[in-house]
Amino acid sequence: MTHPEVVVVGAGIVGTATAWELALRGITTMLVDRGEVSGGTTGLGEGNVLCSDKDAGPELDLTVLGMGLYDELDERFGEVARIRRKGALIVHPDARTWDAEPARARRLRAAGVAAQLVDAPGVRALEPRLTGDVHGALHVPGDLQCDPRAITRALAADAANRGATVRTHAPVERVLVGSDGRAAGVRLAGGEEILAGAVVLAAGPWTGPLAESAGAPLPLEPRKGQLLRLRLDRPDERWLRHKIVDGSYLLSVSSAEAGAQVSTVVETTWDGHLVVGSTRERCGFDPAVDAALEAAVRERAARLVPATAPLERDDAWVGFRPWLPDHRPAIGASDRTPGLWLATGHEGAGIALGPITGRVIAGAIAGEPAPMDLSPFAPDRFAPG
């Protein structure tokens, strides 16, 4: 029977970063996942690390901290991480969202984010293929794109080299809770028990049943997203120079509607093709690609970047973001179940916040002071009363 000090459930970027940070601190750790490392949500997104799509508040503050970690990852893993600091343009075809952007730009700058407003001619100069009608854009040059699957696998390998145990294809059935009410480990499907002094739940949208089994339920749901890849005749990662986001995206991210939310996101991938999105809907774990939504996101992208219209469809796929009702992740210790730690609910910001979440959780387990006020992310904030 194995007895690590900490067992981390979920080998996406959040859980793997947590295991890696624990290993750096010399804490014996086991990382377990029902599939492969980065085989779920982490490997299905666009790989964006963004401040541009946020507003003043605790999530932005945590993102600003997390940006610095990507410099460290770049230095440590180099070309493997495929970090491209290409920046983002939040563009505004709608005057209503454009009118609100100067105030948001000021709030971003106050939080330490380099952000500037650009008029329509300036947008064309920055992004020549963006020829659709826009009032202007917010330019955030520090935003980046990376390869989260490769980063996560590199973190897992380095954690293993430092003594962590990585177990894949090991589905966790429930959290074990001792007679004293403390989290005491996990039980795998098939009955094997892994005892540990602490349990970190970082299984993304699959975390809910595990948290409930530990007596710390979360109102966590999967928020389905759908992306489309278009093929360029000649692959060119500079075909678009920035990540391009319609300003309405900010509204869809913050919406609590269960029905489909459609907004425009378009950018090149590291291998020189185009990713077009995006959608959000709370409909459970429905893996089906919706042809009507695919057509909608493609048509909207062509309004901003008409040159995308004739491009050949390469692929479309679905992923599931872990969503909480107040649009903030759950990060920290559970007061209801001592020894239980939560690191989930990042929704569309899991890549940006994964490494910093891992550092925050590992540091707290090791008794280090928190780098910021983490109370807005308290896992028990949804408890009655």
Protein backbone atom coordinates (compact mmCIF):
# COMPACT_ATOMS: atom_id res chain seq x y z
CA MET A 1 0.00 0.00 0.00
CA THR A 2 1.40 3.38 -1.04
CA HIS A 3 1.56 6.30 1.42
CA PRO A 4 2.56 9.58 -0.25
CA GLU A 5 2.25 12.77 1.73
CA VAL A 6 -0.08 14.22 -0.92
CA VAL A 7 -2.15 12.64 -3.66
CA VAL A 8 -3.17 14.94 -6.51
CA VAL A 9 -6.16 13.88 -8.60
CA GLY A 10 -6.12 15.12 -12.19
CA ALA A 11 -3.15 15.33 -14.56
CA GLY A 12 -4.20 18.37 -16.54
CA ILE A 13 -2.10 21.49 -16.29
CA VAL A 14 -3.52 22.46 -12.87
CA GLY A 15 -2.96 19.13 -11.15
CA THR A 16 0.37 18.45 -12.83
CA ALA A 17 1.68 21.90 -11.93
CA THR A 18 0.62 21.23 -8.34
CA ALA A 19 2.43 17.88 -8.26
CA TRP A 20 5.53 19.47 -9.81
CA GLU A 21 5.57 22.31 -7.28
CA LEU A 22 5.16 19.82 -4.43
CA ALA A 23 8.06 17.75 -5.80
CA LEU A 24 10.21 20.88 -6.00
CA ARG A 25 9.57 21.32 -2.28
CA GLY A 26 10.57 17.75 -1.48
CA ILE A 27 7.04 16.65 -0.58
CA THR A 28 6.35 13.04 -1.59
CA THR A 29 3.52 13.17 -4.08
CA MET A 30 1.42 10.88 -6.24
CA LEU A 31 -0.34 12.28 -9.32
CA VAL A 32 -3.23 10.13 -10.56
CA ASP A 33 -5.49 10.46 -13.59
CA ARG A 34 -8.18 8.34 -15.19
CA GLY A 35 -6.49 8.82 -18.58
CA GLU A 36 -3.20 10.16 -19.92
CA VAL A 37 -1.34 13.24 -18.73
CA SER A 38 -3.07 16.26 -20.33
CA GLY A 39 -5.56 13.94 -21.98
CA GLY A 40 -8.64 15.98 -21.05
CA THR A 41 -9.51 19.67 -21.13
CA THR A 42 -5.90 20.87 -21.09
CA GLY A 43 -5.05 19.42 -24.48
CA LEU A 44 -8.20 20.63 -26.25
CA GLY A 45 -8.08 24.43 -25.96
CA GLU A 46 -6.23 27.14 -27.83
CA GLY A 47 -3.39 27.36 -25.32
CA ASN A 48 -3.97 31.00 -24.48
CA VAL A 49 -2.63 32.90 -21.49
CA LEU A 50 -4.63 36.13 -21.45
CA CYS A 51 -5.14 39.24 -19.39
CA SER A 52 -7.02 40.96 -22.22
CA ASP A 53 -10.30 39.13 -21.65
CA LYS A 54 -10.52 39.98 -17.94
CA ASP A 55 -11.53 42.88 -15.76
CA ALA A 56 -10.38 44.21 -12.41
CA GLY A 57 -10.74 41.71 -9.61
CA PRO A 58 -9.10 38.71 -7.97
CA GLU A 59 -8.93 36.58 -11.13
CA LEU A 60 -7.06 39.30 -12.99
CA ASP A 61 -4.69 39.75 -10.05
CA LEU A 62 -3.98 36.01 -10.04
CA THR A 63 -3.49 36.03 -13.82
CA VAL A 64 -0.94 38.84 -13.57
CA LEU A 65 0.98 36.74 -11.04
CA GLY A 66 0.67 33.71 -13.30
CA MET A 67 2.10 35.52 -16.31
CA GLY A 68 5.47 35.62 -14.61
CA LEU A 69 5.52 31.85 -14.30
CA TYR A 70 5.37 31.51 -18.07
CA ASP A 71 8.73 33.26 -18.26
CA GLU A 72 10.05 30.56 -15.92
CA LEU A 73 8.48 27.77 -17.99
CA ASP A 74 9.94 29.26 -21.16
CA GLU A 75 13.40 29.37 -19.59
CA ARG A 76 13.10 25.81 -18.23
CA PHE A 77 11.49 24.01 -21.19
CA GLY A 78 12.35 26.25 -24.12
CA GLU A 79 11.02 25.26 -27.53
CA VAL A 80 8.99 22.40 -26.04
CA ALA A 81 6.60 24.94 -24.51
CA ARG A 82 6.07 26.74 -27.85
CA ILE A 83 5.43 30.04 -26.08
CA ARG A 84 4.56 32.80 -28.56
CA ARG A 85 4.16 36.28 -27.10
CA LYS A 86 2.00 37.52 -29.93
CA GLY A 87 -0.46 39.66 -27.96
CA ALA A 88 -4.22 39.98 -28.30
CA LEU A 89 -6.66 42.37 -29.93
CA ILE A 90 -10.11 42.69 -28.37
CA VAL A 91 -11.95 44.18 -31.34
CA HIS A 92 -15.28 45.97 -31.24
CA PRO A 93 -17.73 45.82 -34.14
CA ASP A 94 -20.44 46.93 -31.67
CA ALA A 95 -20.40 50.53 -30.44
CA ARG A 96 -21.86 49.48 -27.10
CA THR A 97 -18.91 47.30 -26.14
CA TRP A 98 -16.46 49.82 -27.61
CA ASP A 99 -17.91 52.61 -25.47
CA ALA A 100 -17.18 50.60 -22.33
CA GLU A 101 -13.61 49.73 -23.31
CA PRO A 102 -11.74 52.90 -22.22
CA ALA A 103 -12.78 52.38 -18.60
CA ARG A 104 -11.82 48.68 -18.72
CA ALA A 105 -8.46 49.60 -20.25
CA ARG A 106 -7.80 51.93 -17.31
CA ARG A 107 -8.67 49.16 -14.85
CA LEU A 108 -6.34 46.72 -16.62
CA ARG A 109 -3.48 49.22 -16.51
CA ALA A 110 -4.13 49.86 -12.81
CA ALA A 111 -3.69 46.11 -12.25
CA GLY A 112 -0.33 46.13 -14.03
CA VAL A 113 -1.37 45.06 -17.53
CA ALA A 114 0.05 46.89 -20.54
CA ALA A 115 -3.06 47.77 -22.55
CA GLN A 116 -3.83 50.49 -25.06
CA LEU A 117 -6.79 51.49 -27.20
CA VAL A 118 -6.31 51.47 -30.96
CA ASP A 119 -8.62 53.13 -33.50
CA ALA A 120 -9.85 51.37 -36.64
CA PRO A 121 -6.92 52.42 -38.87
CA GLY A 122 -4.55 51.36 -36.11
CA VAL A 123 -6.21 47.94 -35.98
CA ARG A 124 -5.63 47.49 -39.72
CA ALA A 125 -1.97 48.43 -39.28
CA LEU A 126 -1.53 45.87 -36.51
CA GLU A 127 -3.52 43.15 -38.26
CA PRO A 128 -3.78 43.68 -42.05
CA ARG A 129 -6.21 40.80 -42.63
CA LEU A 130 -8.66 42.17 -40.08
CA THR A 131 -10.64 44.16 -42.65
CA GLY A 132 -14.16 43.83 -41.18
CA ASP A 133 -15.87 46.90 -39.75
CA VAL A 134 -14.71 47.72 -36.22
CA HIS A 135 -14.75 50.84 -34.08
CA GLY A 136 -11.38 49.98 -32.61
CA ALA A 137 -9.63 47.50 -30.37
CA LEU A 138 -7.86 47.01 -27.08
CA HIS A 139 -4.30 45.86 -27.72
CA VAL A 140 -2.62 43.80 -24.98
CA PRO A 141 0.85 42.92 -26.31
CA GLY A 142 1.86 40.72 -23.37
CA ASP A 143 -0.74 38.01 -23.94
CA LEU A 144 0.68 34.74 -25.21
CA GLN A 145 -0.09 31.38 -26.73
CA CYS A 146 1.60 28.12 -25.71
CA ASP A 147 1.37 24.35 -26.10
CA PRO A 148 -0.31 23.35 -22.84
CA ARG A 149 -0.25 19.63 -23.58
CA ALA A 150 3.52 19.67 -24.08
CA ILE A 151 4.06 21.87 -21.02
CA THR A 152 1.96 19.58 -18.85
CA ARG A 153 3.81 16.49 -20.00
CA ALA A 154 7.14 18.18 -19.40
CA LEU A 155 6.05 19.15 -15.88
CA ALA A 156 4.92 15.57 -15.19
CA ALA A 157 8.24 14.15 -16.41
CA ASP A 158 10.23 16.61 -14.32
CA ALA A 159 8.08 15.89 -11.25
CA ALA A 160 8.75 12.16 -11.73
CA ASN A 161 12.48 12.85 -12.00
CA ARG A 162 12.21 14.62 -8.65
CA GLY A 163 10.55 11.65 -6.97
CA ALA A 164 6.84 12.09 -7.64
CA THR A 165 4.83 9.06 -8.74
CA VAL A 166 2.67 9.53 -11.83
CA ARG A 167 -0.13 7.01 -12.33
CA THR A 168 -2.22 7.18 -15.47
CA HIS A 169 -5.31 5.15 -16.38
CA ALA A 170 -6.14 5.01 -12.68
CA PRO A 171 -9.69 6.36 -12.22
CA VAL A 172 -10.39 7.72 -8.73
CA GLU A 173 -13.73 6.55 -7.40
CA ARG A 174 -13.95 8.62 -4.23
CA VAL A 175 -12.03 10.50 -1.56
CA LEU A 176 -11.38 8.59 1.65
CA VAL A 177 -12.40 10.42 4.81
CA GLY A 178 -11.21 9.15 8.19
CA SER A 179 -13.21 8.84 11.38
CA ASP A 180 -11.79 12.21 12.42
CA GLY A 181 -13.36 13.85 9.37
CA ARG A 182 -10.05 14.42 7.58
CA ALA A 183 -9.30 13.51 3.98
CA ALA A 184 -7.17 10.39 4.21
CA GLY A 185 -6.50 9.43 0.58
CA VAL A 186 -8.44 8.11 -2.39
CA ARG A 187 -10.00 4.88 -3.57
CA LEU A 188 -9.45 3.85 -7.17
CA ALA A 189 -11.99 2.07 -9.30
CA GLY A 190 -11.41 -1.58 -8.52
CA GLY A 191 -10.94 -0.95 -4.82
CA GLU A 192 -7.25 -0.03 -4.42
CA GLU A 193 -6.75 2.59 -1.73
CA ILE A 194 -4.01 5.20 -1.75
CA LEU A 195 -3.59 6.70 1.71
CA ALA A 196 -2.17 10.19 2.04
CA GLY A 197 -1.98 13.05 4.49
CA ALA A 198 -3.64 15.43 2.02
CA VAL A 199 -5.72 15.18 -1.15
CA VAL A 200 -5.76 17.79 -3.92
CA LEU A 201 -8.72 17.61 -6.31
CA ALA A 202 -7.73 19.10 -9.67
CA ALA A 203 -9.83 17.02 -12.06
CA GLY A 204 -11.34 19.97 -13.91
CA PRO A 205 -15.01 19.46 -14.84
CA TRP A 206 -14.89 15.94 -13.38
CA THR A 207 -14.09 17.22 -9.87
CA GLY A 208 -17.67 17.60 -8.63
CA PRO A 209 -18.50 14.00 -7.61
CA LEU A 210 -15.12 13.62 -5.93
CA ALA A 211 -15.59 16.79 -3.88
CA GLU A 212 -19.05 15.59 -2.89
CA SER A 213 -17.65 12.23 -1.80
CA ALA A 214 -15.37 14.15 0.57
CA GLY A 215 -18.22 16.15 2.10
CA ALA A 216 -17.29 19.38 0.31
CA PRO A 217 -19.74 19.64 -2.62
CA LEU A 218 -19.26 22.29 -5.30
CA PRO A 219 -21.87 23.62 -7.77
CA LEU A 220 -19.43 22.70 -10.54
CA GLU A 221 -20.62 21.95 -14.07
CA PRO A 222 -18.95 21.20 -17.38
CA ARG A 223 -19.29 24.11 -19.79
CA LYS A 224 -19.02 22.69 -23.27
CA GLY A 225 -16.92 24.52 -25.84
CA GLN A 226 -16.47 23.87 -29.54
CA LEU A 227 -13.56 24.85 -31.79
CA LEU A 228 -12.93 24.65 -35.52
CA ARG A 229 -9.59 24.41 -37.30
CA LEU A 230 -9.15 25.75 -40.83
CA ARG A 231 -6.28 24.77 -43.08
CA LEU A 232 -4.04 27.25 -44.87
CA ASP A 233 -2.59 26.20 -48.23
CA ARG A 234 0.80 27.26 -46.92
CA PRO A 235 1.04 26.91 -43.13
CA ASP A 236 2.01 30.27 -41.68
CA GLU A 237 1.85 31.07 -37.97
CA ARG A 238 2.07 34.79 -38.86
CA TRP A 239 -0.94 34.71 -41.20
CA LEU A 240 -2.62 36.44 -38.26
CA ARG A 241 -0.21 38.23 -35.97
CA HIS A 242 -2.41 38.35 -32.85
CA LYS A 243 -5.20 36.52 -31.13
CA ILE A 244 -8.36 38.28 -32.33
CA VAL A 245 -11.37 38.37 -30.03
CA ASP A 246 -14.73 40.04 -30.63
CA GLY A 247 -15.66 42.23 -27.67
CA SER A 248 -18.91 40.26 -27.25
CA TYR A 249 -16.73 37.39 -26.02
CA LEU A 250 -16.43 39.21 -22.69
CA LEU A 251 -20.21 39.02 -22.30
CA SER A 252 -20.43 35.31 -23.18
CA VAL A 253 -17.71 34.41 -20.68
CA SER A 254 -19.56 36.14 -17.84
CA SER A 255 -23.01 34.91 -18.85
CA ALA A 256 -24.80 32.47 -16.56
CA GLU A 257 -27.12 31.30 -19.33
CA ALA A 258 -27.25 27.55 -19.84
CA GLY A 259 -27.93 27.85 -23.57
CA ALA A 260 -25.30 28.25 -26.26
CA GLN A 261 -23.24 31.44 -26.19
CA VAL A 262 -21.45 32.20 -29.45
CA SER A 263 -18.64 34.72 -29.87
CA THR A 264 -15.76 35.22 -32.27
CA VAL A 265 -12.19 34.14 -31.62
CA VAL A 266 -9.70 33.55 -34.42
CA GLU A 267 -5.94 33.01 -34.40
CA THR A 268 -3.17 30.95 -35.92
CA THR A 269 -1.82 27.85 -34.24
CA TRP A 270 1.86 27.06 -33.69
CA ASP A 271 1.77 24.75 -36.72
CA GLY A 272 0.50 27.53 -38.97
CA HIS A 273 -3.21 26.89 -39.39
CA LEU A 274 -6.25 28.72 -37.95
CA VAL A 275 -8.42 28.03 -34.92
CA VAL A 276 -11.89 29.58 -34.94
CA GLY A 277 -14.33 29.72 -32.04
CA SER A 278 -15.87 29.95 -29.67
CA THR A 279 -18.96 28.53 -28.01
CA ARG A 280 -20.09 27.99 -24.44
CA GLU A 281 -23.06 25.97 -23.21
CA ARG A 282 -23.99 24.14 -20.03
CA CYS A 283 -25.39 20.89 -21.37
CA GLY A 284 -23.49 18.23 -19.45
CA PHE A 285 -20.84 16.03 -21.02
CA ASP A 286 -22.27 16.08 -24.54
CA PRO A 287 -19.34 15.27 -26.87
CA ALA A 288 -21.16 15.96 -30.15
CA VAL A 289 -19.93 18.66 -32.53
CA ASP A 290 -22.89 20.90 -33.40
CA ALA A 291 -22.88 21.70 -37.12
CA ALA A 292 -25.11 24.77 -36.67
CA LEU A 293 -22.76 26.25 -34.07
CA GLU A 294 -19.78 25.46 -36.28
CA ALA A 295 -21.40 27.38 -39.13
CA ALA A 296 -22.21 30.28 -36.80
CA VAL A 297 -18.68 30.71 -35.48
CA ARG A 298 -17.25 30.42 -38.99
CA GLU A 299 -19.64 33.05 -40.37
CA ARG A 300 -18.85 35.44 -37.52
CA ALA A 301 -15.12 35.00 -37.99
CA ALA A 302 -15.48 35.89 -41.66
CA ARG A 303 -17.14 39.18 -40.71
CA LEU A 304 -13.93 40.25 -39.00
CA VAL A 305 -11.41 38.43 -41.16
CA PRO A 306 -13.05 37.87 -44.58
CA ALA A 307 -10.03 35.91 -45.82
CA THR A 308 -11.08 33.00 -43.57
CA ALA A 309 -14.27 32.40 -45.59
CA PRO A 310 -12.81 30.23 -48.40
CA LEU A 311 -10.47 28.21 -46.18
CA GLU A 312 -10.91 24.46 -46.01
CA ARG A 313 -12.23 22.86 -42.84
CA ASP A 314 -9.59 20.70 -41.18
CA ASP A 315 -11.24 19.55 -37.96
CA ALA A 316 -13.73 20.43 -35.23
CA TRP A 317 -13.86 19.19 -31.66
CA VAL A 318 -15.41 19.66 -28.24
CA GLY A 319 -13.92 20.23 -24.80
CA PHE A 320 -15.36 20.79 -21.34
CA ARG A 321 -14.46 23.73 -19.12
CA PRO A 322 -15.01 23.50 -15.34
CA TRP A 323 -17.58 26.21 -14.54
CA LEU A 324 -18.65 27.71 -11.20
CA PRO A 325 -21.58 30.13 -10.86
CA ASP A 326 -19.53 33.17 -9.79
CA HIS A 327 -16.97 32.65 -12.59
CA ARG A 328 -14.07 32.27 -10.15
CA PRO A 329 -12.08 29.08 -9.54
CA ALA A 330 -12.02 27.19 -6.27
CA ILE A 331 -8.45 27.29 -4.99
CA GLY A 332 -7.39 26.37 -1.48
CA ALA A 333 -8.15 24.23 1.54
CA SER A 334 -11.62 23.08 2.45
CA ASP A 335 -12.70 24.09 5.95
CA ARG A 336 -15.42 21.43 5.90
CA THR A 337 -12.99 18.58 5.27
CA PRO A 338 -9.50 19.15 6.71
CA GLY A 339 -6.74 17.79 4.51
CA LEU A 340 -8.78 18.36 1.34
CA TRP A 341 -7.60 20.94 -1.19
CA LEU A 342 -9.47 22.14 -4.25
CA ALA A 343 -7.96 23.43 -7.49
CA THR A 344 -10.72 23.58 -10.08
CA GLY A 345 -13.35 25.79 -11.70
CA HIS A 346 -10.98 27.82 -13.86
CA GLU A 347 -13.42 27.62 -16.80
CA GLY A 348 -11.64 29.09 -19.85
CA ALA A 349 -8.62 30.38 -17.91
CA GLY A 350 -7.13 27.06 -16.86
CA ILE A 351 -4.00 27.41 -18.98
CA ALA A 352 -3.32 30.93 -17.73
CA LEU A 353 -3.99 30.02 -14.11
CA GLY A 354 -2.78 26.41 -14.02
CA PRO A 355 0.88 27.02 -13.10
CA ILE A 356 0.11 29.76 -10.55
CA THR A 357 -2.62 27.61 -8.99
CA GLY A 358 -0.12 24.79 -8.61
CA ARG A 359 2.35 27.11 -6.93
CA VAL A 360 -0.29 28.55 -4.60
CA ILE A 361 -1.59 25.13 -3.52
CA ALA A 362 1.86 23.58 -3.05
CA GLY A 363 3.08 26.63 -1.18
CA ALA A 364 0.10 26.54 1.17
CA ILE A 365 0.58 22.83 1.85
CA ALA A 366 4.24 23.56 2.61
CA GLY A 367 3.25 26.38 5.00
CA GLU A 368 4.44 29.25 2.82
CA PRO A 369 2.69 32.64 2.90
CA ALA A 370 0.16 33.26 0.13
CA PRO A 371 1.28 35.65 -2.63
CA MET A 372 -2.10 37.47 -2.54
CA ASP A 373 -5.45 37.37 -0.80
CA LEU A 374 -6.93 34.04 -1.85
CA SER A 375 -10.20 34.33 0.08
CA PRO A 376 -12.23 35.13 -3.09
CA PHE A 377 -11.32 31.63 -4.32
CA ALA A 378 -12.23 29.81 -1.08
CA PRO A 379 -13.69 26.40 -2.00
CA ASP A 380 -16.31 26.58 0.77
CA ARG A 381 -17.79 29.89 -0.35
CA PHE A 382 -20.79 28.09 -1.85
CA ALA A 383 -21.70 26.30 1.39
CA PRO A 384 -25.11 27.23 2.83
CA GLY A 385 -24.80 30.04 5.35
